[in-house]
Structure formats: C-alpha cells, structure tokens
Amino acid sequence: MRPVRWTALVNPTAGRGRSRRLQAQLQSELANRGVACCVPEDPTATRRLAAAAFERGDGVVVCGGDGTVAAVAGEAATRGGAVAVVPTGTGNDFARHLGLDPRRPLDTLAVLEGGRLAACDLGRATTADGTHAWFTTVANTGFDAEANRWANEVRWASGTAVYVLATLRTLATYRPVNLRVVVDGVALEGPTWLAAVANARYYAGGMMIAPGAEVDDGQLDVCVIGRISRGGFLAGFPRVFRGTHPAVRGVETRRGRVVELSADERSAGGSGPQLWASGERVGPLPARVEVVPGALRVLVPEGAPLSGR
C-alpha cells in the first residue's frame, strides 16, 4: 500500500555541495506537496530519522546519493517502509537504473504524484570485521574500490568525470591481487583487477558494469576482470560505459544469489583488499554478499519495467 504521508531527508553534503545548492528549492517543492523535510547532520542521524519515519508509517523521500539511498533502503527493508529517490549525489546510479534522470533531480519529485510502488531486490554484505551493510547498486573490491576511495576524497570534480579521473589515476599504480570469487559454490580464482557484485546495472556515475542486471530478478550479476594487461585494461575501459566489456578476453561474468570474496594474503599487502558497496566502504575481505529478493518498496516512474507492489 502506498504511504499516505511522506517525510523527506536531505543530505546536504551529497554531490560535493550539489545537494546543499538545491536545498532551498527542494524544501519549497516538498512543502508544496505537504512533505515534511529534515536535514540530518550525519549518516547516523539519517538512519535514525528514517527508522522513526517508517515506524510512524511514513514513506521516506531520500534526497542524496547512492550511499544515503542505501542507508535508508536498509532501514526500509528492516521495517517494511517505502522510499522515493531524489538523486542529488555524485553517482546516482540506483536512480538511473530506476528510470529517474540524475540531471534533473527536482523533476524526479513527480513520482510522488505519478509514480507507482515497485519491489526491488537489495544486496547485503558482511565483511571480515563483522560489519553488515545493505546496498542498492554494486558491491566491489579491487581496482574500482581503490578508485572509489580516491574519488570520495576529491572535492574539485563531480559526476562521471571524477570517477574517470580516479580510474586513470589508480591505473598508474594499482597491481592485481590474487582473488577467489565463489558464486553459488562455483569458484573463480587468480590475479584479479576487480570483482563487482551487482544488484543494479550501474556504478561510478553511469559505468554499466553489469549490463544484464535487473533489480527485481532475485539474482546478483558478477563481473570479474582477471588476466588482462595494464594496456588491455586501459584500452577496454571505455567499453564499460556501453556495457560491452564482457566480450573482452579476461572478463568473466556469472550470476547467482550468494557470492564469497577472499584474497590471497601473500598478494594483498598493507591492510588488504576492502569491500565497498553503493559507493561507501564496508570493510575488509573476506566478505559474503547475498541478494535479498523484493526487500525494498520504491516509487518508480509509471513506465519503469519493474514488478509492482
């Protein structure tokens, strides 16, 4: 059932200031729709306010990036709540998969009147330090995780550009790690540039790492980039924007419900590979990633090809 009332949570730090610049307009548009607006001071407050809204029976309008959306989605899944997404972050990849235009975040508020509720799968990751995290888009480790770490520290670029810059910077120094990826009991093992476990198609601001992924199929799509040269990696990199990289030699794809990731300690070095999910660090390998089918109810545009709830 569609919520009668909605509460909006605006992350002012999302999008390297983009969300803050839109804050006054957002609050005005939300007020015109009778939606109460809160501006949490940190992720802990975001989760607390979302949990309280769901307990009241409110839906939550999430104004932020993929990390904020994932945090609220986890609370919604736990409490049976519903969310709407207003993409004001850097990557906005979950919104992109749902058919919402990240370039026009204010226009996406139209789903509050004209959208419908759909059931989406969520990913759930557990890392070696006992950390648990929900994610909407992609959990990843290796090269792309290191590029993500650097991108999160940059404040002078935004959108897809910052992830492209991060990729080129990381490529200069990164060395593949011996990684073991087990998908529903079947293992892939060897020198690996990256392993991405996808609930949705996109990550890193529009890179189509899993072109066949659907958020309502009860499956995770896995992409492992293994035995490929540095030059080959660079030459094949543009393909990820078109989703044609699975045809490149050295790229393996799998599909399953449970994925386990571990690294050869002799090749890990330092603190070892880290797992990231929906653009945020989760924790160190080894890690277990699983899909939770239909865990999230989310407002989508009427024409979105997702199952209704």
C-alpha atoms as a PDB file:
ATOM      1  CA  MET A   1       0.000   0.000   0.000  1.00  0.00           C
ATOM      2  CA  ARG A   2       1.259   3.475  -0.877  1.00  0.00           C
ATOM      3  CA  PRO A   3       2.092   5.631   2.185  1.00  0.00           C
ATOM      4  CA  VAL A   4      -0.350   8.425   2.980  1.00  0.00           C
ATOM      5  CA  ARG A   5       2.383  10.682   4.386  1.00  0.00           C
ATOM      6  CA  TRP A   6       5.988  11.245   3.362  1.00  0.00           C
ATOM      7  CA  THR A   7       8.998  12.580   5.236  1.00  0.00           C
ATOM      8  CA  ALA A   8      11.978  13.917   3.249  1.00  0.00           C
ATOM      9  CA  LEU A   9      15.596  13.522   4.345  1.00  0.00           C
ATOM     10  CA  VAL A  10      18.063  15.844   2.594  1.00  0.00           C
ATOM     11  CA  ASN A  11      21.781  15.033   2.792  1.00  0.00           C
ATOM     12  CA  PRO A  12      23.383  18.481   2.434  1.00  0.00           C
ATOM     13  CA  THR A  13      26.855  17.045   1.748  1.00  0.00           C
ATOM     14  CA  ALA A  14      25.776  14.873  -1.189  1.00  0.00           C
ATOM     15  CA  GLY A  15      27.124  15.620  -4.652  1.00  0.00           C
ATOM     16  CA  ARG A  16      30.037  17.714  -3.375  1.00  0.00           C
ATOM     17  CA  GLY A  17      27.712  20.568  -2.484  1.00  0.00           C
ATOM     18  CA  ARG A  18      25.107  19.958  -5.165  1.00  0.00           C
ATOM     19  CA  SER A  19      22.507  18.896  -2.623  1.00  0.00           C
ATOM     20  CA  ARG A  20      23.168  21.973  -0.492  1.00  0.00           C
ATOM     21  CA  ARG A  21      22.756  24.251  -3.511  1.00  0.00           C
ATOM     22  CA  LEU A  22      19.401  22.636  -4.256  1.00  0.00           C
ATOM     23  CA  GLN A  23      18.251  22.561  -0.651  1.00  0.00           C
ATOM     24  CA  ALA A  24      16.062  25.683  -0.701  1.00  0.00           C
ATOM     25  CA  GLN A  25      14.313  24.605  -3.911  1.00  0.00           C
ATOM     26  CA  LEU A  26      13.879  21.085  -2.611  1.00  0.00           C
ATOM     27  CA  GLN A  27      12.333  22.279   0.623  1.00  0.00           C
ATOM     28  CA  SER A  28       9.977  24.578  -1.268  1.00  0.00           C
ATOM     29  CA  GLU A  29       8.873  21.852  -3.712  1.00  0.00           C
ATOM     30  CA  LEU A  30       8.430  19.353  -0.898  1.00  0.00           C
ATOM     31  CA  ALA A  31       6.448  21.814   1.223  1.00  0.00           C
ATOM     32  CA  ASN A  32       4.117  22.442  -1.726  1.00  0.00           C
ATOM     33  CA  ARG A  33       3.429  18.714  -1.691  1.00  0.00           C
ATOM     34  CA  GLY A  34       2.813  18.638   2.054  1.00  0.00           C
ATOM     35  CA  VAL A  35       6.045  16.741   2.743  1.00  0.00           C
ATOM     36  CA  ALA A  36       7.944  17.484   5.964  1.00  0.00           C
ATOM     37  CA  CYS A  37      11.671  17.986   5.386  1.00  0.00           C
ATOM     38  CA  CYS A  38      14.594  17.094   7.683  1.00  0.00           C
ATOM     39  CA  VAL A  39      18.313  17.780   7.171  1.00  0.00           C
ATOM     40  CA  PRO A  40      20.252  15.159   9.181  1.00  0.00           C
ATOM     41  CA  GLU A  41      23.710  16.132  10.392  1.00  0.00           C
ATOM     42  CA  ASP A  42      25.355  12.765   9.655  1.00  0.00           C
ATOM     43  CA  PRO A  43      24.651   9.207   8.408  1.00  0.00           C
ATOM     44  CA  THR A  44      23.734   8.004  11.897  1.00  0.00           C
ATOM     45  CA  ALA A  45      21.069  10.690  12.170  1.00  0.00           C
ATOM     46  CA  THR A  46      19.840   9.802   8.673  1.00  0.00           C
ATOM     47  CA  ARG A  47      19.260   6.194   9.668  1.00  0.00           C
ATOM     48  CA  ARG A  48      17.645   7.215  12.973  1.00  0.00           C
ATOM     49  CA  LEU A  49      15.230   9.650  11.338  1.00  0.00           C
ATOM     50  CA  ALA A  50      14.397   7.160   8.581  1.00  0.00           C
ATOM     51  CA  ALA A  51      13.667   4.447  11.138  1.00  0.00           C
ATOM     52  CA  ALA A  52      11.395   6.806  13.075  1.00  0.00           C
ATOM     53  CA  ALA A  53       9.522   7.799   9.912  1.00  0.00           C
ATOM     54  CA  PHE A  54       8.956   4.185   8.918  1.00  0.00           C
ATOM     55  CA  GLU A  55       7.745   3.341  12.416  1.00  0.00           C
ATOM     56  CA  ARG A  56       5.151   6.145  12.049  1.00  0.00           C
ATOM     57  CA  GLY A  57       4.012   4.639   8.769  1.00  0.00           C
ATOM     58  CA  ASP A  58       5.515   7.436   6.644  1.00  0.00           C
ATOM     59  CA  GLY A  59       7.321   6.879   3.380  1.00  0.00           C
ATOM     60  CA  VAL A  60      10.753   8.499   3.092  1.00  0.00           C
ATOM     61  CA  VAL A  61      11.896  10.732   0.233  1.00  0.00           C
ATOM     62  CA  VAL A  62      15.692  10.367   0.079  1.00  0.00           C
ATOM     63  CA  CYS A  63      17.467  13.417  -1.339  1.00  0.00           C
ATOM     64  CA  GLY A  64      21.096  12.388  -1.724  1.00  0.00           C
ATOM     65  CA  GLY A  65      23.456   9.996  -3.440  1.00  0.00           C
ATOM     66  CA  ASP A  66      23.742   6.225  -3.587  1.00  0.00           C
ATOM     67  CA  GLY A  67      25.276   5.951  -0.112  1.00  0.00           C
ATOM     68  CA  THR A  68      22.401   7.839   1.500  1.00  0.00           C
ATOM     69  CA  VAL A  69      19.823   5.885  -0.504  1.00  0.00           C
ATOM     70  CA  ALA A  70      21.389   2.574   0.546  1.00  0.00           C
ATOM     71  CA  ALA A  71      21.386   3.560   4.221  1.00  0.00           C
ATOM     72  CA  VAL A  72      17.693   4.471   4.118  1.00  0.00           C
ATOM     73  CA  ALA A  73      16.869   1.416   1.974  1.00  0.00           C
ATOM     74  CA  GLY A  74      18.312  -0.810   4.688  1.00  0.00           C
ATOM     75  CA  GLU A  75      16.028   0.754   7.275  1.00  0.00           C
ATOM     76  CA  ALA A  76      13.075   0.416   4.888  1.00  0.00           C
ATOM     77  CA  ALA A  77      13.821  -3.264   4.300  1.00  0.00           C
ATOM     78  CA  THR A  78      14.020  -3.923   8.041  1.00  0.00           C
ATOM     79  CA  ARG A  79      10.782  -2.091   8.820  1.00  0.00           C
ATOM     80  CA  GLY A  80       8.698  -2.652   5.702  1.00  0.00           C
ATOM     81  CA  GLY A  81       8.878   1.001   4.655  1.00  0.00           C
ATOM     82  CA  ALA A  82       8.687   2.642   1.232  1.00  0.00           C
ATOM     83  CA  VAL A  83      11.104   5.135  -0.309  1.00  0.00           C
ATOM     84  CA  ALA A  84      11.258   7.670  -3.132  1.00  0.00           C
ATOM     85  CA  VAL A  85      14.613   8.755  -4.539  1.00  0.00           C
ATOM     86  CA  VAL A  86      15.638  12.299  -5.480  1.00  0.00           C
ATOM     87  CA  PRO A  87      19.156  11.996  -6.970  1.00  0.00           C
ATOM     88  CA  THR A  88      21.321  14.846  -5.684  1.00  0.00           C
ATOM     89  CA  GLY A  89      24.560  12.890  -5.190  1.00  0.00           C
ATOM     90  CA  THR A  90      27.635  12.257  -7.313  1.00  0.00           C
ATOM     91  CA  GLY A  91      26.919   8.850  -8.832  1.00  0.00           C
ATOM     92  CA  ASN A  92      23.113   8.479  -8.548  1.00  0.00           C
ATOM     93  CA  ASP A  93      23.316   5.038 -10.123  1.00  0.00           C
ATOM     94  CA  PHE A  94      20.318   3.464  -8.410  1.00  0.00           C
ATOM     95  CA  ALA A  95      18.118   6.338  -9.562  1.00  0.00           C
ATOM     96  CA  ARG A  96      19.497   5.906 -13.077  1.00  0.00           C
ATOM     97  CA  HIS A  97      18.511   2.224 -13.103  1.00  0.00           C
ATOM     98  CA  LEU A  98      15.006   3.105 -11.886  1.00  0.00           C
ATOM     99  CA  GLY A  99      14.495   5.446 -14.840  1.00  0.00           C
ATOM    100  CA  LEU A 100      14.969   8.683 -12.873  1.00  0.00           C
ATOM    101  CA  ASP A 101      17.082  11.403 -14.510  1.00  0.00           C
ATOM    102  CA  PRO A 102      20.011  12.440 -12.255  1.00  0.00           C
ATOM    103  CA  ARG A 103      20.472  15.585 -14.339  1.00  0.00           C
ATOM    104  CA  ARG A 104      17.053  16.891 -13.255  1.00  0.00           C
ATOM    105  CA  PRO A 105      16.624  15.949  -9.605  1.00  0.00           C
ATOM    106  CA  LEU A 106      13.756  18.361  -8.967  1.00  0.00           C
ATOM    107  CA  ASP A 107      11.767  16.785 -11.814  1.00  0.00           C
ATOM    108  CA  THR A 108      12.008  13.384 -10.126  1.00  0.00           C
ATOM    109  CA  LEU A 109       9.695  14.646  -7.378  1.00  0.00           C
ATOM    110  CA  ALA A 110       6.898  13.984  -9.880  1.00  0.00           C
ATOM    111  CA  VAL A 111       6.954  10.309  -8.819  1.00  0.00           C
ATOM    112  CA  LEU A 112       5.238  11.401  -5.599  1.00  0.00           C
ATOM    113  CA  GLU A 113       2.124  12.108  -7.667  1.00  0.00           C
ATOM    114  CA  GLY A 114       2.510   9.979 -10.785  1.00  0.00           C
ATOM    115  CA  GLY A 115       4.765   7.113  -9.785  1.00  0.00           C
ATOM    116  CA  ARG A 116       3.959   3.633  -8.558  1.00  0.00           C
ATOM    117  CA  LEU A 117       5.438   1.358  -5.918  1.00  0.00           C
ATOM    118  CA  ALA A 118       7.690  -1.430  -7.173  1.00  0.00           C
ATOM    119  CA  ALA A 119       9.519  -4.200  -5.335  1.00  0.00           C
ATOM    120  CA  CYS A 120      13.304  -4.168  -5.703  1.00  0.00           C
ATOM    121  CA  ASP A 121      15.962  -6.565  -4.545  1.00  0.00           C
ATOM    122  CA  LEU A 122      18.694  -5.383  -2.217  1.00  0.00           C
ATOM    123  CA  GLY A 123      22.201  -6.698  -1.679  1.00  0.00           C
ATOM    124  CA  ARG A 124      23.530  -7.440   1.791  1.00  0.00           C
ATOM    125  CA  ALA A 125      27.248  -7.666   2.549  1.00  0.00           C
ATOM    126  CA  THR A 126      29.158  -8.912   5.576  1.00  0.00           C
ATOM    127  CA  THR A 127      32.909  -8.325   5.886  1.00  0.00           C
ATOM    128  CA  ALA A 128      35.687  -9.876   7.969  1.00  0.00           C
ATOM    129  CA  ASP A 129      35.367  -7.337  10.785  1.00  0.00           C
ATOM    130  CA  GLY A 130      31.691  -8.209  11.302  1.00  0.00           C
ATOM    131  CA  THR A 131      30.314  -5.155   9.509  1.00  0.00           C
ATOM    132  CA  HIS A 132      26.934  -5.642   7.824  1.00  0.00           C
ATOM    133  CA  ALA A 133      25.721  -3.330   5.057  1.00  0.00           C
ATOM    134  CA  TRP A 134      22.775  -3.130   2.690  1.00  0.00           C
ATOM    135  CA  PHE A 135      23.348  -1.876  -0.853  1.00  0.00           C
ATOM    136  CA  THR A 136      21.195  -0.948  -3.806  1.00  0.00           C
ATOM    137  CA  THR A 137      23.730  -0.920  -6.657  1.00  0.00           C
ATOM    138  CA  VAL A 138      27.105  -2.725  -6.627  1.00  0.00           C
ATOM    139  CA  ALA A 139      29.481  -4.227  -4.052  1.00  0.00           C
ATOM    140  CA  ASN A 140      33.038  -4.243  -5.338  1.00  0.00           C
ATOM    141  CA  THR A 141      36.644  -4.901  -4.429  1.00  0.00           C
ATOM    142  CA  GLY A 142      39.996  -4.351  -6.090  1.00  0.00           C
ATOM    143  CA  PHE A 143      40.884  -1.646  -8.572  1.00  0.00           C
ATOM    144  CA  ASP A 144      37.488   0.016  -8.601  1.00  0.00           C
ATOM    145  CA  ALA A 145      37.309   0.095  -4.805  1.00  0.00           C
ATOM    146  CA  GLU A 146      40.627   1.936  -4.668  1.00  0.00           C
ATOM    147  CA  ALA A 147      39.446   4.352  -7.367  1.00  0.00           C
ATOM    148  CA  ASN A 148      36.223   4.873  -5.384  1.00  0.00           C
ATOM    149  CA  ARG A 149      38.232   5.679  -2.252  1.00  0.00           C
ATOM    150  CA  TRP A 150      40.178   8.379  -4.093  1.00  0.00           C
ATOM    151  CA  ALA A 151      37.043   9.749  -5.790  1.00  0.00           C
ATOM    152  CA  ASN A 152      35.360  10.189  -2.405  1.00  0.00           C
ATOM    153  CA  GLU A 153      38.213  12.439  -1.289  1.00  0.00           C
ATOM    154  CA  VAL A 154      38.044  14.750  -4.316  1.00  0.00           C
ATOM    155  CA  ARG A 155      36.103  17.999  -3.985  1.00  0.00           C
ATOM    156  CA  TRP A 156      37.027  19.803  -7.201  1.00  0.00           C
ATOM    157  CA  ALA A 157      35.273  17.470  -9.656  1.00  0.00           C
ATOM    158  CA  SER A 158      31.912  15.727  -9.685  1.00  0.00           C
ATOM    159  CA  GLY A 159      29.668  13.347 -11.591  1.00  0.00           C
ATOM    160  CA  THR A 160      31.072  10.793 -14.013  1.00  0.00           C
ATOM    161  CA  ALA A 161      34.200  12.925 -14.546  1.00  0.00           C
ATOM    162  CA  VAL A 162      35.519  12.306 -11.043  1.00  0.00           C
ATOM    163  CA  TYR A 163      35.263   8.527 -11.497  1.00  0.00           C
ATOM    164  CA  VAL A 164      37.035   8.651 -14.860  1.00  0.00           C
ATOM    165  CA  LEU A 165      39.840  10.682 -13.290  1.00  0.00           C
ATOM    166  CA  ALA A 166      40.003   8.244 -10.384  1.00  0.00           C
ATOM    167  CA  THR A 167      40.253   5.317 -12.802  1.00  0.00           C
ATOM    168  CA  LEU A 168      43.139   6.852 -14.749  1.00  0.00           C
ATOM    169  CA  ARG A 169      44.975   7.824 -11.570  1.00  0.00           C
ATOM    170  CA  THR A 170      44.580   4.399  -9.972  1.00  0.00           C
ATOM    171  CA  LEU A 171      45.585   2.571 -13.144  1.00  0.00           C
ATOM    172  CA  ALA A 172      49.070   4.075 -12.943  1.00  0.00           C
ATOM    173  CA  THR A 173      49.943   2.328  -9.667  1.00  0.00           C
ATOM    174  CA  TYR A 174      47.477  -0.499  -8.994  1.00  0.00           C
ATOM    175  CA  ARG A 175      48.592  -4.138  -9.138  1.00  0.00           C
ATOM    176  CA  PRO A 176      46.114  -7.023  -9.476  1.00  0.00           C
ATOM    177  CA  VAL A 177      45.522  -9.176  -6.388  1.00  0.00           C
ATOM    178  CA  ASN A 178      45.057 -12.947  -6.253  1.00  0.00           C
ATOM    179  CA  LEU A 179      41.348 -13.117  -5.554  1.00  0.00           C
ATOM    180  CA  ARG A 180      38.953 -16.024  -5.053  1.00  0.00           C
ATOM    181  CA  VAL A 181      35.357 -15.367  -6.091  1.00  0.00           C
ATOM    182  CA  VAL A 182      32.813 -18.083  -5.318  1.00  0.00           C
ATOM    183  CA  VAL A 183      29.368 -17.692  -6.902  1.00  0.00           C
ATOM    184  CA  ASP A 184      26.786 -20.164  -5.571  1.00  0.00           C
ATOM    185  CA  GLY A 185      29.600 -22.583  -4.782  1.00  0.00           C
ATOM    186  CA  VAL A 186      31.478 -22.276  -8.110  1.00  0.00           C
ATOM    187  CA  ALA A 187      34.897 -20.619  -7.811  1.00  0.00           C
ATOM    188  CA  LEU A 188      36.918 -18.265  -9.993  1.00  0.00           C
ATOM    189  CA  GLU A 189      40.471 -17.708  -8.796  1.00  0.00           C
ATOM    190  CA  GLY A 190      43.601 -15.901  -9.951  1.00  0.00           C
ATOM    191  CA  PRO A 191      45.156 -12.449 -10.452  1.00  0.00           C
ATOM    192  CA  THR A 192      42.237 -10.032 -10.486  1.00  0.00           C
ATOM    193  CA  TRP A 193      41.894  -6.355 -11.286  1.00  0.00           C
ATOM    194  CA  LEU A 194      38.426  -6.103  -9.816  1.00  0.00           C
ATOM    195  CA  ALA A 195      35.359  -8.055  -8.813  1.00  0.00           C
ATOM    196  CA  ALA A 196      31.955  -6.382  -8.920  1.00  0.00           C
ATOM    197  CA  VAL A 197      28.808  -7.946  -7.460  1.00  0.00           C
ATOM    198  CA  ALA A 198      25.846  -6.091  -8.930  1.00  0.00           C
ATOM    199  CA  ASN A 199      22.248  -5.722  -7.896  1.00  0.00           C
ATOM    200  CA  ALA A 200      21.788  -2.943 -10.471  1.00  0.00           C
ATOM    201  CA  ARG A 201      23.500  -2.226 -13.797  1.00  0.00           C
ATOM    202  CA  TYR A 202      25.428   0.919 -12.986  1.00  0.00           C
ATOM    203  CA  TYR A 203      28.080   2.210 -10.641  1.00  0.00           C
ATOM    204  CA  ALA A 204      30.632   5.045 -10.578  1.00  0.00           C
ATOM    205  CA  GLY A 205      28.346   7.603 -12.179  1.00  0.00           C
ATOM    206  CA  GLY A 206      26.983   5.631 -15.107  1.00  0.00           C
ATOM    207  CA  MET A 207      29.507   2.853 -15.788  1.00  0.00           C
ATOM    208  CA  MET A 208      27.426  -0.157 -16.903  1.00  0.00           C
ATOM    209  CA  ILE A 209      29.437  -2.800 -15.072  1.00  0.00           C
ATOM    210  CA  ALA A 210      26.580  -5.350 -15.205  1.00  0.00           C
ATOM    211  CA  PRO A 211      24.589  -4.744 -18.404  1.00  0.00           C
ATOM    212  CA  GLY A 212      22.264  -7.678 -17.765  1.00  0.00           C
ATOM    213  CA  ALA A 213      21.431  -6.875 -14.148  1.00  0.00           C
ATOM    214  CA  GLU A 214      17.852  -6.282 -13.062  1.00  0.00           C
ATOM    215  CA  VAL A 215      16.824  -5.085  -9.613  1.00  0.00           C
ATOM    216  CA  ASP A 216      13.849  -7.417  -9.429  1.00  0.00           C
ATOM    217  CA  ASP A 217      15.198 -10.781 -10.664  1.00  0.00           C
ATOM    218  CA  GLY A 218      16.374 -12.226  -7.327  1.00  0.00           C
ATOM    219  CA  GLN A 219      19.944 -12.537  -8.661  1.00  0.00           C
ATOM    220  CA  LEU A 220      23.322 -10.831  -8.377  1.00  0.00           C
ATOM    221  CA  ASP A 221      25.352 -10.269 -11.544  1.00  0.00           C
ATOM    222  CA  VAL A 222      29.091 -10.763 -11.026  1.00  0.00           C
ATOM    223  CA  CYS A 223      31.831  -9.257 -13.209  1.00  0.00           C
ATOM    224  CA  VAL A 224      35.451 -10.296 -12.641  1.00  0.00           C
ATOM    225  CA  ILE A 225      38.263  -8.676 -14.609  1.00  0.00           C
ATOM    226  CA  GLY A 226      41.180 -11.048 -14.319  1.00  0.00           C
ATOM    227  CA  ARG A 227      44.093 -11.888 -16.618  1.00  0.00           C
ATOM    228  CA  ILE A 228      44.434  -8.762 -18.700  1.00  0.00           C
ATOM    229  CA  SER A 229      47.416  -6.439 -19.213  1.00  0.00           C
ATOM    230  CA  ARG A 230      47.512  -2.867 -17.959  1.00  0.00           C
ATOM    231  CA  GLY A 231      47.350  -1.661 -21.548  1.00  0.00           C
ATOM    232  CA  GLY A 232      44.484  -4.014 -22.282  1.00  0.00           C
ATOM    233  CA  PHE A 233      42.625  -2.756 -19.229  1.00  0.00           C
ATOM    234  CA  LEU A 234      43.033   0.848 -20.370  1.00  0.00           C
ATOM    235  CA  ALA A 235      42.046   0.058 -23.953  1.00  0.00           C
ATOM    236  CA  GLY A 236      38.927  -1.785 -22.825  1.00  0.00           C
ATOM    237  CA  PHE A 237      37.898   0.766 -20.201  1.00  0.00           C
ATOM    238  CA  PRO A 238      35.600   2.863 -22.484  1.00  0.00           C
ATOM    239  CA  ARG A 239      33.533  -0.270 -23.148  1.00  0.00           C
ATOM    240  CA  VAL A 240      32.133  -0.183 -19.617  1.00  0.00           C
ATOM    241  CA  PHE A 241      30.037   2.867 -20.499  1.00  0.00           C
ATOM    242  CA  ARG A 242      28.307   0.869 -23.251  1.00  0.00           C
ATOM    243  CA  GLY A 243      28.196  -2.392 -21.320  1.00  0.00           C
ATOM    244  CA  THR A 244      30.213  -4.247 -23.991  1.00  0.00           C
ATOM    245  CA  HIS A 245      33.216  -5.109 -21.795  1.00  0.00           C
ATOM    246  CA  PRO A 246      32.064  -8.717 -21.074  1.00  0.00           C
ATOM    247  CA  ALA A 247      33.215  -9.540 -24.633  1.00  0.00           C
ATOM    248  CA  VAL A 248      36.821  -8.615 -23.756  1.00  0.00           C
ATOM    249  CA  ARG A 249      39.173 -11.536 -23.137  1.00  0.00           C
ATOM    250  CA  GLY A 250      39.934 -11.784 -19.416  1.00  0.00           C
ATOM    251  CA  VAL A 251      36.488 -10.593 -18.318  1.00  0.00           C
ATOM    252  CA  GLU A 252      34.321 -13.259 -16.667  1.00  0.00           C
ATOM    253  CA  THR A 253      30.644 -12.898 -15.772  1.00  0.00           C
ATOM    254  CA  ARG A 254      28.491 -15.045 -13.516  1.00  0.00           C
ATOM    255  CA  ARG A 255      25.062 -14.849 -11.901  1.00  0.00           C
ATOM    256  CA  GLY A 256      23.951 -16.160  -8.518  1.00  0.00           C
ATOM    257  CA  ARG A 257      22.415 -15.495  -5.135  1.00  0.00           C
ATOM    258  CA  VAL A 258      25.444 -15.751  -2.830  1.00  0.00           C
ATOM    259  CA  VAL A 259      28.978 -14.530  -3.582  1.00  0.00           C
ATOM    260  CA  GLU A 260      32.028 -15.032  -1.366  1.00  0.00           C
ATOM    261  CA  LEU A 261      35.170 -12.969  -1.881  1.00  0.00           C
ATOM    262  CA  SER A 262      38.603 -13.624  -0.394  1.00  0.00           C
ATOM    263  CA  ALA A 263      42.175 -12.583  -1.198  1.00  0.00           C
ATOM    264  CA  ASP A 264      45.497 -14.378  -1.092  1.00  0.00           C
ATOM    265  CA  GLU A 265      47.181 -12.757   1.915  1.00  0.00           C
ATOM    266  CA  ARG A 266      50.599 -13.033   0.246  1.00  0.00           C
ATOM    267  CA  SER A 267      49.470 -10.712  -2.523  1.00  0.00           C
ATOM    268  CA  ALA A 268      47.186  -8.419  -0.553  1.00  0.00           C
ATOM    269  CA  GLY A 269      49.787  -6.205   1.082  1.00  0.00           C
ATOM    270  CA  GLY A 270      49.073  -3.494   3.638  1.00  0.00           C
ATOM    271  CA  SER A 271      45.618  -3.780   5.169  1.00  0.00           C
ATOM    272  CA  GLY A 272      44.423  -5.983   2.283  1.00  0.00           C
ATOM    273  CA  PRO A 273      41.562  -5.502  -0.179  1.00  0.00           C
ATOM    274  CA  GLN A 274      38.448  -3.730   1.034  1.00  0.00           C
ATOM    275  CA  LEU A 275      34.826  -4.224   0.038  1.00  0.00           C
ATOM    276  CA  TRP A 276      32.844  -1.165  -1.000  1.00  0.00           C
ATOM    277  CA  ALA A 277      29.128  -1.047  -1.698  1.00  0.00           C
ATOM    278  CA  SER A 278      26.946   1.714  -3.194  1.00  0.00           C
ATOM    279  CA  GLY A 279      29.988   3.990  -3.128  1.00  0.00           C
ATOM    280  CA  GLU A 280      30.795   3.525   0.582  1.00  0.00           C
ATOM    281  CA  ARG A 281      33.455   1.458   2.325  1.00  0.00           C
ATOM    282  CA  VAL A 282      32.080  -1.617   4.119  1.00  0.00           C
ATOM    283  CA  GLY A 283      35.161  -3.450   5.446  1.00  0.00           C
ATOM    284  CA  PRO A 284      37.995  -5.901   4.710  1.00  0.00           C
ATOM    285  CA  LEU A 285      37.876  -9.208   2.895  1.00  0.00           C
ATOM    286  CA  PRO A 286      36.919 -11.984   3.219  1.00  0.00           C
ATOM    287  CA  ALA A 287      33.321 -10.975   2.588  1.00  0.00           C
ATOM    288  CA  ARG A 288      29.984 -12.598   1.854  1.00  0.00           C
ATOM    289  CA  VAL A 289      27.452 -10.889  -0.407  1.00  0.00           C
ATOM    290  CA  GLU A 290      23.893 -12.091  -0.892  1.00  0.00           C
ATOM    291  CA  VAL A 291      20.725 -10.907  -2.569  1.00  0.00           C
ATOM    292  CA  VAL A 292      17.520 -10.308  -0.617  1.00  0.00           C
ATOM    293  CA  PRO A 293      14.715 -10.536  -3.207  1.00  0.00           C
ATOM    294  CA  GLY A 294      11.958  -7.920  -3.080  1.00  0.00           C
ATOM    295  CA  ALA A 295      13.372  -6.356   0.091  1.00  0.00           C
ATOM    296  CA  LEU A 296      12.664  -2.738  -0.860  1.00  0.00           C
ATOM    297  CA  ARG A 297       9.497  -0.930  -1.925  1.00  0.00           C
ATOM    298  CA  VAL A 298      10.403   2.107  -4.018  1.00  0.00           C
ATOM    299  CA  LEU A 299       8.486   4.667  -6.075  1.00  0.00           C
ATOM    300  CA  VAL A 300       9.337   4.472  -9.768  1.00  0.00           C
ATOM    301  CA  PRO A 301       8.053   6.259 -12.870  1.00  0.00           C
ATOM    302  CA  GLU A 302       4.889   4.694 -14.257  1.00  0.00           C
ATOM    303  CA  GLY A 303       6.679   3.270 -17.284  1.00  0.00           C
ATOM    304  CA  ALA A 304       9.551   1.657 -15.390  1.00  0.00           C
ATOM    305  CA  PRO A 305       9.826  -2.088 -16.245  1.00  0.00           C
ATOM    306  CA  LEU A 306       9.683  -3.348 -12.661  1.00  0.00           C
ATOM    307  CA  SER A 307       7.203  -5.592 -10.910  1.00  0.00           C
ATOM    308  CA  GLY A 308       4.549  -3.704  -8.927  1.00  0.00           C
ATOM    309  CA  ARG A 309       3.749  -3.953  -5.215  1.00  0.00           C
END
